[in-house]
Amino acid sequence: MFKYLAALCFPSVLVMLFSRVTYYPIIGLLLTVALISASVYKGYTDTYLLIIIDSFSMTLGYFFSRKMKESAKSVNENKQ
């Protein structure tokens, strides 16, 4: 049960964190995909359902990181 909750939360947080650090949401997504792929390769992911939940979470994280970037951009434009 914990694996499924972690798969739902952690990849999206990782995508948003990496996107915030690198300033590019696609780079954050690629770094997270690399980490998840390494965990699948090492055998930490047991089922296909877990991989699907990871993918869904990464997609949500990418969506939210794009929204954060666009909102920060609009705030900066309004200040000028």
Protein backbone atom coordinates (compact mmCIF):
# COMPACT_ATOMS: atom_id res chain seq x y z
CA MET A 1 0.00 0.00 0.00
CA PHE A 2 2.84 2.40 0.85
CA LYS A 3 4.46 1.80 -2.54
CA TYR A 4 1.33 2.92 -4.35
CA LEU A 5 0.94 6.07 -2.25
CA ALA A 6 4.62 6.87 -2.73
CA ALA A 7 4.29 6.28 -6.48
CA LEU A 8 1.40 8.71 -6.55
CA CYS A 9 3.22 11.50 -4.69
CA PHE A 10 6.98 11.34 -5.06
CA PRO A 11 7.44 11.43 -8.85
CA SER A 12 5.32 14.55 -9.20
CA VAL A 13 7.24 16.25 -6.39
CA LEU A 14 10.53 15.25 -8.02
CA VAL A 15 9.45 16.67 -11.38
CA MET A 16 8.45 19.95 -9.76
CA LEU A 17 11.67 20.10 -7.72
CA PHE A 18 13.93 19.38 -10.69
CA SER A 19 11.96 21.82 -12.85
CA ARG A 20 12.38 24.50 -10.25
CA VAL A 21 16.12 23.88 -9.97
CA THR A 22 16.83 23.68 -13.71
CA TYR A 23 14.19 26.27 -14.80
CA TYR A 24 12.98 23.87 -17.52
CA PRO A 25 10.03 21.53 -16.88
CA ILE A 26 11.09 19.09 -19.60
CA ILE A 27 14.52 18.66 -17.96
CA GLY A 28 12.81 17.95 -14.64
CA LEU A 29 10.63 15.37 -16.33
CA LEU A 30 13.58 13.70 -18.05
CA LEU A 31 15.58 13.51 -14.83
CA THR A 32 12.64 11.94 -13.03
CA VAL A 33 12.09 9.45 -15.86
CA ALA A 34 15.76 8.49 -15.59
CA LEU A 35 15.42 7.91 -11.83
CA ILE A 36 12.24 5.86 -12.20
CA SER A 37 13.80 3.86 -15.05
CA ALA A 38 16.80 3.05 -12.87
CA SER A 39 14.54 1.86 -10.08
CA VAL A 40 12.60 -0.35 -12.50
CA TYR A 41 15.86 -1.74 -13.86
CA LYS A 42 17.11 -2.52 -10.35
CA GLY A 43 13.85 -4.35 -9.57
CA TYR A 44 12.31 -2.01 -7.01
CA THR A 45 9.10 -1.75 -9.02
CA ASP A 46 7.05 -4.92 -8.75
CA THR A 47 4.00 -4.49 -10.98
CA TYR A 48 2.89 -2.75 -14.11
CA LEU A 49 0.26 -0.90 -12.10
CA LEU A 50 3.03 0.75 -10.11
CA ILE A 51 4.70 1.89 -13.35
CA ILE A 52 1.40 3.31 -14.59
CA ILE A 53 0.89 5.21 -11.32
CA ASP A 54 4.46 6.56 -11.58
CA SER A 55 3.77 7.73 -15.13
CA PHE A 56 0.52 9.40 -14.11
CA SER A 57 2.25 11.16 -11.24
CA MET A 58 5.08 12.38 -13.48
CA THR A 59 2.52 13.73 -15.94
CA LEU A 60 0.77 15.64 -13.15
CA GLY A 61 4.09 16.98 -11.91
CA TYR A 62 4.98 18.18 -15.41
CA PHE A 63 1.58 19.85 -15.75
CA PHE A 64 1.93 21.63 -12.40
CA SER A 65 5.51 22.70 -13.07
CA ARG A 66 4.42 24.24 -16.40
CA LYS A 67 1.61 26.05 -14.61
CA MET A 68 4.03 27.34 -11.96
CA LYS A 69 6.40 28.59 -14.64
CA GLU A 70 3.61 30.34 -16.57
CA SER A 71 2.20 31.97 -13.43
CA ALA A 72 5.64 33.19 -12.38
CA LYS A 73 6.17 34.58 -15.86
CA SER A 74 2.85 36.46 -15.80
CA VAL A 75 3.60 37.88 -12.35
CA ASN A 76 6.96 39.15 -13.59
CA GLU A 77 5.34 40.72 -16.66
CA ASN A 78 2.72 42.46 -14.51
CA LYS A 79 5.41 43.98 -12.28
CA GLN A 80 7.15 45.63 -15.20
